[in-house]
Amino acid sequence: LFAEVIETVKCLDEGVLEAVPDANVGSIL
């Protein structure tokens, strides 16, 4: 679990992700 979460936080920090909902929905669906 943590491997995916930490990489996602890096995506947010780098601007690959702009929004938390995109991360949550994208990761589940």
mmCIF file of all heavy atoms, coordinates in Angstrom:
data_MODEL
# 
_entry.id   MODEL 
# 
loop_
_atom_site.group_PDB 
_atom_site.id 
_atom_site.type_symbol 
_atom_site.label_atom_id 
_atom_site.label_alt_id 
_atom_site.label_comp_id 
_atom_site.label_asym_id 
_atom_site.label_entity_id 
_atom_site.label_seq_id 
_atom_site.pdbx_PDB_ins_code 
_atom_site.Cartn_x 
_atom_site.Cartn_y 
_atom_site.Cartn_z 
_atom_site.occupancy 
_atom_site.B_iso_or_equiv 
_atom_site.pdbx_formal_charge 
_atom_site.auth_seq_id 
_atom_site.auth_comp_id 
_atom_site.auth_asym_id 
_atom_site.auth_atom_id 
_atom_site.pdbx_PDB_model_num 
ATOM 1   N N   . LEU A 1 1  ? 0.820   -1.205 0.000   1.00 0.00 ? 1  LEU A N   1 
ATOM 2   C CA  . LEU A 1 1  ? 0.000   0.000  0.000   1.00 0.00 ? 1  LEU A CA  1 
ATOM 3   C C   . LEU A 1 1  ? 0.861   1.265  0.000   1.00 0.00 ? 1  LEU A C   1 
ATOM 4   O O   . LEU A 1 1  ? 0.646   2.187  -0.794  1.00 0.00 ? 1  LEU A O   1 
ATOM 5   C CB  . LEU A 1 1  ? -0.924  0.004  1.225   1.00 0.00 ? 1  LEU A CB  1 
ATOM 6   C CG  . LEU A 1 1  ? -2.035  -1.050 1.258   1.00 0.00 ? 1  LEU A CG  1 
ATOM 7   C CD1 . LEU A 1 1  ? -2.623  -1.167 2.659   1.00 0.00 ? 1  LEU A CD1 1 
ATOM 8   C CD2 . LEU A 1 1  ? -3.139  -0.713 0.267   1.00 0.00 ? 1  LEU A CD2 1 
ATOM 9   N N   . PHE A 1 2  ? 1.849   1.302  0.891   1.00 0.00 ? 2  PHE A N   1 
ATOM 10  C CA  . PHE A 1 2  ? 2.655   2.513  1.062   1.00 0.00 ? 2  PHE A CA  1 
ATOM 11  C C   . PHE A 1 2  ? 3.488   2.816  -0.176  1.00 0.00 ? 2  PHE A C   1 
ATOM 12  O O   . PHE A 1 2  ? 3.752   3.983  -0.483  1.00 0.00 ? 2  PHE A O   1 
ATOM 13  C CB  . PHE A 1 2  ? 3.555   2.381  2.296   1.00 0.00 ? 2  PHE A CB  1 
ATOM 14  C CG  . PHE A 1 2  ? 2.902   2.807  3.582   1.00 0.00 ? 2  PHE A CG  1 
ATOM 15  C CD1 . PHE A 1 2  ? 1.727   2.209  4.005   1.00 0.00 ? 2  PHE A CD1 1 
ATOM 16  C CD2 . PHE A 1 2  ? 3.459   3.795  4.375   1.00 0.00 ? 2  PHE A CD2 1 
ATOM 17  C CE1 . PHE A 1 2  ? 1.115   2.588  5.191   1.00 0.00 ? 2  PHE A CE1 1 
ATOM 18  C CE2 . PHE A 1 2  ? 2.856   4.192  5.559   1.00 0.00 ? 2  PHE A CE2 1 
ATOM 19  C CZ  . PHE A 1 2  ? 1.683   3.590  5.973   1.00 0.00 ? 2  PHE A CZ  1 
ATOM 20  N N   . ALA A 1 3  ? 3.907   1.780  -0.899  1.00 0.00 ? 3  ALA A N   1 
ATOM 21  C CA  . ALA A 1 3  ? 4.688   2.022  -2.115  1.00 0.00 ? 3  ALA A CA  1 
ATOM 22  C C   . ALA A 1 3  ? 3.889   2.877  -3.096  1.00 0.00 ? 3  ALA A C   1 
ATOM 23  O O   . ALA A 1 3  ? 4.416   3.829  -3.696  1.00 0.00 ? 3  ALA A O   1 
ATOM 24  C CB  . ALA A 1 3  ? 5.075   0.692  -2.755  1.00 0.00 ? 3  ALA A CB  1 
ATOM 25  N N   . GLU A 1 4  ? 2.619   2.559  -3.269  1.00 0.00 ? 4  GLU A N   1 
ATOM 26  C CA  . GLU A 1 4  ? 1.778   3.317  -4.193  1.00 0.00 ? 4  GLU A CA  1 
ATOM 27  C C   . GLU A 1 4  ? 1.458   4.706  -3.658  1.00 0.00 ? 4  GLU A C   1 
ATOM 28  O O   . GLU A 1 4  ? 1.416   5.688  -4.404  1.00 0.00 ? 4  GLU A O   1 
ATOM 29  C CB  . GLU A 1 4  ? 0.488   2.551  -4.478  1.00 0.00 ? 4  GLU A CB  1 
ATOM 30  C CG  . GLU A 1 4  ? 0.690   1.256  -5.239  1.00 0.00 ? 4  GLU A CG  1 
ATOM 31  C CD  . GLU A 1 4  ? -0.601  0.730  -5.838  1.00 0.00 ? 4  GLU A CD  1 
ATOM 32  O OE1 . GLU A 1 4  ? -1.341  0.027  -5.131  1.00 0.00 ? 4  GLU A OE1 1 
ATOM 33  O OE2 . GLU A 1 4  ? -0.860  1.027  -7.017  1.00 0.00 ? 4  GLU A OE2 1 
ATOM 34  N N   . VAL A 1 5  ? 1.212   4.786  -2.362  1.00 0.00 ? 5  VAL A N   1 
ATOM 35  C CA  . VAL A 1 5  ? 0.847   6.077  -1.771  1.00 0.00 ? 5  VAL A CA  1 
ATOM 36  C C   . VAL A 1 5  ? 2.004   7.068  -1.889  1.00 0.00 ? 5  VAL A C   1 
ATOM 37  O O   . VAL A 1 5  ? 1.812   8.221  -2.300  1.00 0.00 ? 5  VAL A O   1 
ATOM 38  C CB  . VAL A 1 5  ? 0.447   5.893  -0.292  1.00 0.00 ? 5  VAL A CB  1 
ATOM 39  C CG1 . VAL A 1 5  ? 0.238   7.252  0.371   1.00 0.00 ? 5  VAL A CG1 1 
ATOM 40  C CG2 . VAL A 1 5  ? -0.826  5.063  -0.178  1.00 0.00 ? 5  VAL A CG2 1 
ATOM 41  N N   . ILE A 1 6  ? 3.201   6.646  -1.535  1.00 0.00 ? 6  ILE A N   1 
ATOM 42  C CA  . ILE A 1 6  ? 4.346   7.557  -1.555  1.00 0.00 ? 6  ILE A CA  1 
ATOM 43  C C   . ILE A 1 6  ? 4.639   8.017  -2.984  1.00 0.00 ? 6  ILE A C   1 
ATOM 44  O O   . ILE A 1 6  ? 4.948   9.192  -3.224  1.00 0.00 ? 6  ILE A O   1 
ATOM 45  C CB  . ILE A 1 6  ? 5.563   6.886  -0.896  1.00 0.00 ? 6  ILE A CB  1 
ATOM 46  C CG1 . ILE A 1 6  ? 5.323   6.795  0.622   1.00 0.00 ? 6  ILE A CG1 1 
ATOM 47  C CG2 . ILE A 1 6  ? 6.854   7.644  -1.190  1.00 0.00 ? 6  ILE A CG2 1 
ATOM 48  C CD1 . ILE A 1 6  ? 6.334   5.972  1.378   1.00 0.00 ? 6  ILE A CD1 1 
ATOM 49  N N   . GLU A 1 7  ? 4.523   7.121  -3.959  1.00 0.00 ? 7  GLU A N   1 
ATOM 50  C CA  . GLU A 1 7  ? 4.735   7.523  -5.350  1.00 0.00 ? 7  GLU A CA  1 
ATOM 51  C C   . GLU A 1 7  ? 3.668   8.523  -5.785  1.00 0.00 ? 7  GLU A C   1 
ATOM 52  O O   . GLU A 1 7  ? 3.950   9.454  -6.551  1.00 0.00 ? 7  GLU A O   1 
ATOM 53  C CB  . GLU A 1 7  ? 4.718   6.299  -6.266  1.00 0.00 ? 7  GLU A CB  1 
ATOM 54  C CG  . GLU A 1 7  ? 5.186   6.576  -7.684  1.00 0.00 ? 7  GLU A CG  1 
ATOM 55  C CD  . GLU A 1 7  ? 6.660   6.928  -7.773  1.00 0.00 ? 7  GLU A CD  1 
ATOM 56  O OE1 . GLU A 1 7  ? 7.428   6.564  -6.844  1.00 0.00 ? 7  GLU A OE1 1 
ATOM 57  O OE2 . GLU A 1 7  ? 7.042   7.564  -8.772  1.00 0.00 ? 7  GLU A OE2 1 
ATOM 58  N N   . THR A 1 8  ? 2.441   8.365  -5.297  1.00 0.00 ? 8  THR A N   1 
ATOM 59  C CA  . THR A 1 8  ? 1.372   9.300  -5.639  1.00 0.00 ? 8  THR A CA  1 
ATOM 60  C C   . THR A 1 8  ? 1.641   10.676 -5.053  1.00 0.00 ? 8  THR A C   1 
ATOM 61  O O   . THR A 1 8  ? 1.404   11.701 -5.713  1.00 0.00 ? 8  THR A O   1 
ATOM 62  C CB  . THR A 1 8  ? 0.016   8.766  -5.133  1.00 0.00 ? 8  THR A CB  1 
ATOM 63  O OG1 . THR A 1 8  ? -0.240  7.489  -5.718  1.00 0.00 ? 8  THR A OG1 1 
ATOM 64  C CG2 . THR A 1 8  ? -1.113  9.716  -5.494  1.00 0.00 ? 8  THR A CG2 1 
ATOM 65  N N   . VAL A 1 9  ? 2.117   10.719 -3.822  1.00 0.00 ? 9  VAL A N   1 
ATOM 66  C CA  . VAL A 1 9  ? 2.465   12.009 -3.212  1.00 0.00 ? 9  VAL A CA  1 
ATOM 67  C C   . VAL A 1 9  ? 3.546   12.695 -4.043  1.00 0.00 ? 9  VAL A C   1 
ATOM 68  O O   . VAL A 1 9  ? 3.508   13.914 -4.265  1.00 0.00 ? 9  VAL A O   1 
ATOM 69  C CB  . VAL A 1 9  ? 2.919   11.825 -1.748  1.00 0.00 ? 9  VAL A CB  1 
ATOM 70  C CG1 . VAL A 1 9  ? 3.430   13.146 -1.172  1.00 0.00 ? 9  VAL A CG1 1 
ATOM 71  C CG2 . VAL A 1 9  ? 1.773   11.298 -0.893  1.00 0.00 ? 9  VAL A CG2 1 
ATOM 72  N N   . LYS A 1 10 ? 4.500   11.917 -4.541  1.00 0.00 ? 10 LYS A N   1 
ATOM 73  C CA  . LYS A 1 10 ? 5.536   12.490 -5.416  1.00 0.00 ? 10 LYS A CA  1 
ATOM 74  C C   . LYS A 1 10 ? 4.910   13.038 -6.706  1.00 0.00 ? 10 LYS A C   1 
ATOM 75  O O   . LYS A 1 10 ? 5.318   14.087 -7.206  1.00 0.00 ? 10 LYS A O   1 
ATOM 76  C CB  . LYS A 1 10 ? 6.599   11.437 -5.741  1.00 0.00 ? 10 LYS A CB  1 
ATOM 77  C CG  . LYS A 1 10 ? 7.458   11.031 -4.540  1.00 0.00 ? 10 LYS A CG  1 
ATOM 78  C CD  . LYS A 1 10 ? 8.445   9.930  -4.916  1.00 0.00 ? 10 LYS A CD  1 
ATOM 79  C CE  . LYS A 1 10 ? 9.270   9.511  -3.703  1.00 0.00 ? 10 LYS A CE  1 
ATOM 80  N NZ  . LYS A 1 10 ? 10.187  8.385  -4.033  1.00 0.00 ? 10 LYS A NZ  1 
ATOM 81  N N   . CYS A 1 11 ? 3.921   12.335 -7.246  1.00 0.00 ? 11 CYS A N   1 
ATOM 82  C CA  . CYS A 1 11 ? 3.216   12.829 -8.438  1.00 0.00 ? 11 CYS A CA  1 
ATOM 83  C C   . CYS A 1 11 ? 2.537   14.166 -8.145  1.00 0.00 ? 11 CYS A C   1 
ATOM 84  O O   . CYS A 1 11 ? 2.515   15.068 -8.984  1.00 0.00 ? 11 CYS A O   1 
ATOM 85  C CB  . CYS A 1 11 ? 2.176   11.815 -8.909  1.00 0.00 ? 11 CYS A CB  1 
ATOM 86  S SG  . CYS A 1 11 ? 2.852   10.340 -9.699  1.00 0.00 ? 11 CYS A SG  1 
ATOM 87  N N   . LEU A 1 12 ? 1.983   14.304 -6.953  1.00 0.00 ? 12 LEU A N   1 
ATOM 88  C CA  . LEU A 1 12 ? 1.339   15.550 -6.542  1.00 0.00 ? 12 LEU A CA  1 
ATOM 89  C C   . LEU A 1 12 ? 2.382   16.650 -6.391  1.00 0.00 ? 12 LEU A C   1 
ATOM 90  O O   . LEU A 1 12 ? 2.201   17.774 -6.867  1.00 0.00 ? 12 LEU A O   1 
ATOM 91  C CB  . LEU A 1 12 ? 0.578   15.328 -5.233  1.00 0.00 ? 12 LEU A CB  1 
ATOM 92  C CG  . LEU A 1 12 ? -0.467  16.358 -4.815  1.00 0.00 ? 12 LEU A CG  1 
ATOM 93  C CD1 . LEU A 1 12 ? -1.608  16.423 -5.808  1.00 0.00 ? 12 LEU A CD1 1 
ATOM 94  C CD2 . LEU A 1 12 ? -0.992  16.055 -3.415  1.00 0.00 ? 12 LEU A CD2 1 
ATOM 95  N N   . ASP A 1 13 ? 3.487   16.313 -5.741  1.00 0.00 ? 13 ASP A N   1 
ATOM 96  C CA  . ASP A 1 13 ? 4.556   17.299 -5.534  1.00 0.00 ? 13 ASP A CA  1 
ATOM 97  C C   . ASP A 1 13 ? 5.149   17.773 -6.856  1.00 0.00 ? 13 ASP A C   1 
ATOM 98  O O   . ASP A 1 13 ? 5.514   18.946 -6.998  1.00 0.00 ? 13 ASP A O   1 
ATOM 99  C CB  . ASP A 1 13 ? 5.673   16.695 -4.670  1.00 0.00 ? 13 ASP A CB  1 
ATOM 100 C CG  . ASP A 1 13 ? 5.222   16.406 -3.242  1.00 0.00 ? 13 ASP A CG  1 
ATOM 101 O OD1 . ASP A 1 13 ? 4.183   16.974 -2.828  1.00 0.00 ? 13 ASP A OD1 1 
ATOM 102 O OD2 . ASP A 1 13 ? 5.893   15.615 -2.555  1.00 0.00 ? 13 ASP A OD2 1 
ATOM 103 N N   . GLU A 1 14 ? 5.263   16.869 -7.828  1.00 0.00 ? 14 GLU A N   1 
ATOM 104 C CA  . GLU A 1 14 ? 5.882   17.207 -9.116  1.00 0.00 ? 14 GLU A CA  1 
ATOM 105 C C   . GLU A 1 14 ? 4.916   17.886 -10.083 1.00 0.00 ? 14 GLU A C   1 
ATOM 106 O O   . GLU A 1 14 ? 5.322   18.315 -11.161 1.00 0.00 ? 14 GLU A O   1 
ATOM 107 C CB  . GLU A 1 14 ? 6.433   15.936 -9.777  1.00 0.00 ? 14 GLU A CB  1 
ATOM 108 C CG  . GLU A 1 14 ? 7.567   15.282 -9.001  1.00 0.00 ? 14 GLU A CG  1 
ATOM 109 C CD  . GLU A 1 14 ? 7.869   13.873 -9.503  1.00 0.00 ? 14 GLU A CD  1 
ATOM 110 O OE1 . GLU A 1 14 ? 7.429   13.532 -10.628 1.00 0.00 ? 14 GLU A OE1 1 
ATOM 111 O OE2 . GLU A 1 14 ? 8.531   13.116 -8.780  1.00 0.00 ? 14 GLU A OE2 1 
ATOM 112 N N   . GLY A 1 15 ? 3.632   17.943 -9.724  1.00 0.00 ? 15 GLY A N   1 
ATOM 113 C CA  . GLY A 1 15 ? 2.654   18.557 -10.598 1.00 0.00 ? 15 GLY A CA  1 
ATOM 114 C C   . GLY A 1 15 ? 2.074   17.623 -11.640 1.00 0.00 ? 15 GLY A C   1 
ATOM 115 O O   . GLY A 1 15 ? 1.311   18.059 -12.503 1.00 0.00 ? 15 GLY A O   1 
ATOM 116 N N   . VAL A 1 16 ? 2.444   16.336 -11.595 1.00 0.00 ? 16 VAL A N   1 
ATOM 117 C CA  . VAL A 1 16 ? 1.803   15.370 -12.489 1.00 0.00 ? 16 VAL A CA  1 
ATOM 118 C C   . VAL A 1 16 ? 0.322   15.297 -12.150 1.00 0.00 ? 16 VAL A C   1 
ATOM 119 O O   . VAL A 1 16 ? -0.546  15.266 -13.031 1.00 0.00 ? 16 VAL A O   1 
ATOM 120 C CB  . VAL A 1 16 ? 2.462   13.978 -12.361 1.00 0.00 ? 16 VAL A CB  1 
ATOM 121 C CG1 . VAL A 1 16 ? 1.723   12.951 -13.202 1.00 0.00 ? 16 VAL A CG1 1 
ATOM 122 C CG2 . VAL A 1 16 ? 3.927   14.053 -12.769 1.00 0.00 ? 16 VAL A CG2 1 
ATOM 123 N N   . LEU A 1 17 ? 0.021   15.293 -10.863 1.00 0.00 ? 17 LEU A N   1 
ATOM 124 C CA  . LEU A 1 17 ? -1.350  15.394 -10.377 1.00 0.00 ? 17 LEU A CA  1 
ATOM 125 C C   . LEU A 1 17 ? -1.604  16.830 -9.948  1.00 0.00 ? 17 LEU A C   1 
ATOM 126 O O   . LEU A 1 17 ? -0.760  17.436 -9.281  1.00 0.00 ? 17 LEU A O   1 
ATOM 127 C CB  . LEU A 1 17 ? -1.577  14.467 -9.183  1.00 0.00 ? 17 LEU A CB  1 
ATOM 128 C CG  . LEU A 1 17 ? -1.715  12.977 -9.453  1.00 0.00 ? 17 LEU A CG  1 
ATOM 129 C CD1 . LEU A 1 17 ? -1.558  12.196 -8.154  1.00 0.00 ? 17 LEU A CD1 1 
ATOM 130 C CD2 . LEU A 1 17 ? -3.068  12.670 -10.088 1.00 0.00 ? 17 LEU A CD2 1 
ATOM 131 N N   . GLU A 1 18 ? -2.754  17.362 -10.311 1.00 0.00 ? 18 GLU A N   1 
ATOM 132 C CA  . GLU A 1 18 ? -3.136  18.698 -9.865  1.00 0.00 ? 18 GLU A CA  1 
ATOM 133 C C   . GLU A 1 18 ? -4.174  18.647 -8.754  1.00 0.00 ? 18 GLU A C   1 
ATOM 134 O O   . GLU A 1 18 ? -4.363  19.630 -8.050  1.00 0.00 ? 18 GLU A O   1 
ATOM 135 C CB  . GLU A 1 18 ? -3.712  19.498 -11.037 1.00 0.00 ? 18 GLU A CB  1 
ATOM 136 C CG  . GLU A 1 18 ? -2.702  19.792 -12.141 1.00 0.00 ? 18 GLU A CG  1 
ATOM 137 C CD  . GLU A 1 18 ? -3.319  20.572 -13.289 1.00 0.00 ? 18 GLU A CD  1 
ATOM 138 O OE1 . GLU A 1 18 ? -4.564  20.670 -13.338 1.00 0.00 ? 18 GLU A OE1 1 
ATOM 139 O OE2 . GLU A 1 18 ? -2.564  21.070 -14.133 1.00 0.00 ? 18 GLU A OE2 1 
ATOM 140 N N   . ALA A 1 19 ? -4.859  17.507 -8.618  1.00 0.00 ? 19 ALA A N   1 
ATOM 141 C CA  . ALA A 1 19 ? -5.998  17.446 -7.708  1.00 0.00 ? 19 ALA A CA  1 
ATOM 142 C C   . ALA A 1 19 ? -6.074  16.104 -6.998  1.00 0.00 ? 19 ALA A C   1 
ATOM 143 O O   . ALA A 1 19 ? -5.887  15.051 -7.613  1.00 0.00 ? 19 ALA A O   1 
ATOM 144 C CB  . ALA A 1 19 ? -7.291  17.708 -8.474  1.00 0.00 ? 19 ALA A CB  1 
ATOM 145 N N   . VAL A 1 20 ? -6.365  16.164 -5.716  1.00 0.00 ? 20 VAL A N   1 
ATOM 146 C CA  . VAL A 1 20 ? -6.495  14.954 -4.898  1.00 0.00 ? 20 VAL A CA  1 
ATOM 147 C C   . VAL A 1 20 ? -7.609  14.034 -5.403  1.00 0.00 ? 20 VAL A C   1 
ATOM 148 O O   . VAL A 1 20 ? -7.432  12.815 -5.452  1.00 0.00 ? 20 VAL A O   1 
ATOM 149 C CB  . VAL A 1 20 ? -6.691  15.339 -3.414  1.00 0.00 ? 20 VAL A CB  1 
ATOM 150 C CG1 . VAL A 1 20 ? -7.133  14.138 -2.583  1.00 0.00 ? 20 VAL A CG1 1 
ATOM 151 C CG2 . VAL A 1 20 ? -5.397  15.923 -2.847  1.00 0.00 ? 20 VAL A CG2 1 
ATOM 152 N N   . PRO A 1 21 ? -8.795  14.565 -5.796  1.00 0.00 ? 21 PRO A N   1 
ATOM 153 C CA  . PRO A 1 21 ? -9.841  13.655 -6.300  1.00 0.00 ? 21 PRO A CA  1 
ATOM 154 C C   . PRO A 1 21 ? -9.399  12.828 -7.501  1.00 0.00 ? 21 PRO A C   1 
ATOM 155 O O   . PRO A 1 21 ? -9.782  11.667 -7.638  1.00 0.00 ? 21 PRO A O   1 
ATOM 156 C CB  . PRO A 1 21 ? -10.996 14.602 -6.658  1.00 0.00 ? 21 PRO A CB  1 
ATOM 157 C CG  . PRO A 1 21 ? -10.814 15.765 -5.741  1.00 0.00 ? 21 PRO A CG  1 
ATOM 158 C CD  . PRO A 1 21 ? -9.326  15.946 -5.643  1.00 0.00 ? 21 PRO A CD  1 
ATOM 159 N N   . ASP A 1 22 ? -8.588  13.419 -8.402  1.00 0.00 ? 22 ASP A N   1 
ATOM 160 C CA  . ASP A 1 22 ? -8.087  12.649 -9.543  1.00 0.00 ? 22 ASP A CA  1 
ATOM 161 C C   . ASP A 1 22 ? -7.280  11.446 -9.066  1.00 0.00 ? 22 ASP A C   1 
ATOM 162 O O   . ASP A 1 22 ? -7.379  10.351 -9.633  1.00 0.00 ? 22 ASP A O   1 
ATOM 163 C CB  . ASP A 1 22 ? -7.204  13.538 -10.431 1.00 0.00 ? 22 ASP A CB  1 
ATOM 164 C CG  . ASP A 1 22 ? -8.007  14.522 -11.259 1.00 0.00 ? 22 ASP A CG  1 
ATOM 165 O OD1 . ASP A 1 22 ? -9.100  14.153 -11.722 1.00 0.00 ? 22 ASP A OD1 1 
ATOM 166 O OD2 . ASP A 1 22 ? -7.543  15.656 -11.446 1.00 0.00 ? 22 ASP A OD2 1 
ATOM 167 N N   . ALA A 1 23 ? -6.457  11.658 -8.047  1.00 0.00 ? 23 ALA A N   1 
ATOM 168 C CA  . ALA A 1 23 ? -5.635  10.566 -7.520  1.00 0.00 ? 23 ALA A CA  1 
ATOM 169 C C   . ALA A 1 23 ? -6.504  9.482  -6.903  1.00 0.00 ? 23 ALA A C   1 
ATOM 170 O O   . ALA A 1 23 ? -6.312  8.286  -7.159  1.00 0.00 ? 23 ALA A O   1 
ATOM 171 C CB  . ALA A 1 23 ? -4.648  11.107 -6.479  1.00 0.00 ? 23 ALA A CB  1 
ATOM 172 N N   . ASN A 1 24 ? -7.473  9.884  -6.085  1.00 0.00 ? 24 ASN A N   1 
ATOM 173 C CA  . ASN A 1 24 ? -8.304  8.894  -5.399  1.00 0.00 ? 24 ASN A CA  1 
ATOM 174 C C   . ASN A 1 24 ? -9.157  8.088  -6.376  1.00 0.00 ? 24 ASN A C   1 
ATOM 175 O O   . ASN A 1 24 ? -9.176  6.853  -6.333  1.00 0.00 ? 24 ASN A O   1 
ATOM 176 C CB  . ASN A 1 24 ? -9.205  9.591  -4.373  1.00 0.00 ? 24 ASN A CB  1 
ATOM 177 C CG  . ASN A 1 24 ? -8.437  10.115 -3.178  1.00 0.00 ? 24 ASN A CG  1 
ATOM 178 O OD1 . ASN A 1 24 ? -7.371  9.598  -2.836  1.00 0.00 ? 24 ASN A OD1 1 
ATOM 179 N ND2 . ASN A 1 24 ? -8.959  11.145 -2.536  1.00 0.00 ? 24 ASN A ND2 1 
ATOM 180 N N   . VAL A 1 25 ? -9.841  8.783  -7.268  1.00 0.00 ? 25 VAL A N   1 
ATOM 181 C CA  . VAL A 1 25 ? -10.715 8.097  -8.225  1.00 0.00 ? 25 VAL A CA  1 
ATOM 182 C C   . VAL A 1 25 ? -9.886  7.252  -9.190  1.00 0.00 ? 25 VAL A C   1 
ATOM 183 O O   . VAL A 1 25 ? -10.221 6.096  -9.477  1.00 0.00 ? 25 VAL A O   1 
ATOM 184 C CB  . VAL A 1 25 ? -11.584 9.110  -8.991  1.00 0.00 ? 25 VAL A CB  1 
ATOM 185 C CG1 . VAL A 1 25 ? -12.345 8.438  -10.125 1.00 0.00 ? 25 VAL A CG1 1 
ATOM 186 C CG2 . VAL A 1 25 ? -12.565 9.794  -8.035  1.00 0.00 ? 25 VAL A CG2 1 
ATOM 187 N N   . GLY A 1 26 ? -8.797  7.820  -9.696  1.00 0.00 ? 26 GLY A N   1 
ATOM 188 C CA  . GLY A 1 26 ? -7.961  7.087  -10.641 1.00 0.00 ? 26 GLY A CA  1 
ATOM 189 C C   . GLY A 1 26 ? -7.362  5.837  -10.049 1.00 0.00 ? 26 GLY A C   1 
ATOM 190 O O   . GLY A 1 26 ? -7.276  4.798  -10.709 1.00 0.00 ? 26 GLY A O   1 
ATOM 191 N N   . SER A 1 27 ? -6.967  5.916  -8.783  1.00 0.00 ? 27 SER A N   1 
ATOM 192 C CA  . SER A 1 27 ? -6.333  4.751  -8.156  1.00 0.00 ? 27 SER A CA  1 
ATOM 193 C C   . SER A 1 27 ? -7.317  3.615  -7.938  1.00 0.00 ? 27 SER A C   1 
ATOM 194 O O   . SER A 1 27 ? -6.967  2.442  -8.082  1.00 0.00 ? 27 SER A O   1 
ATOM 195 C CB  . SER A 1 27 ? -5.686  5.149  -6.822  1.00 0.00 ? 27 SER A CB  1 
ATOM 196 O OG  . SER A 1 27 ? -6.656  5.545  -5.868  1.00 0.00 ? 27 SER A OG  1 
ATOM 197 N N   . ILE A 1 28 ? -8.567  3.944  -7.615  1.00 0.00 ? 28 ILE A N   1 
ATOM 198 C CA  . ILE A 1 28 ? -9.569  2.897  -7.366  1.00 0.00 ? 28 ILE A CA  1 
ATOM 199 C C   . ILE A 1 28 ? -10.105 2.331  -8.681  1.00 0.00 ? 28 ILE A C   1 
ATOM 200 O O   . ILE A 1 28 ? -10.128 1.114  -8.888  1.00 0.00 ? 28 ILE A O   1 
ATOM 201 C CB  . ILE A 1 28 ? -10.728 3.441  -6.506  1.00 0.00 ? 28 ILE A CB  1 
ATOM 202 C CG1 . ILE A 1 28 ? -10.231 3.815  -5.105  1.00 0.00 ? 28 ILE A CG1 1 
ATOM 203 C CG2 . ILE A 1 28 ? -11.846 2.397  -6.394  1.00 0.00 ? 28 ILE A CG2 1 
ATOM 204 C CD1 . ILE A 1 28 ? -11.284 4.507  -4.251  1.00 0.00 ? 28 ILE A CD1 1 
ATOM 205 N N   . LEU A 1 29 ? -10.522 3.204  -9.586  1.00 0.00 ? 29 LEU A N   1 
ATOM 206 C CA  . LEU A 1 29 ? -11.177 2.748  -10.821 1.00 0.00 ? 29 LEU A CA  1 
ATOM 207 C C   . LEU A 1 29 ? -10.188 2.275  -11.873 1.00 0.00 ? 29 LEU A C   1 
ATOM 208 O O   . LEU A 1 29 ? -10.538 1.468  -12.726 1.00 0.00 ? 29 LEU A O   1 
ATOM 209 C CB  . LEU A 1 29 ? -12.032 3.873  -11.411 1.00 0.00 ? 29 LEU A CB  1 
ATOM 210 C CG  . LEU A 1 29 ? -13.186 4.395  -10.566 1.00 0.00 ? 29 LEU A CG  1 
ATOM 211 C CD1 . LEU A 1 29 ? -14.022 5.376  -11.367 1.00 0.00 ? 29 LEU A CD1 1 
ATOM 212 C CD2 . LEU A 1 29 ? -14.062 3.268  -10.040 1.00 0.00 ? 29 LEU A CD2 1 
# 
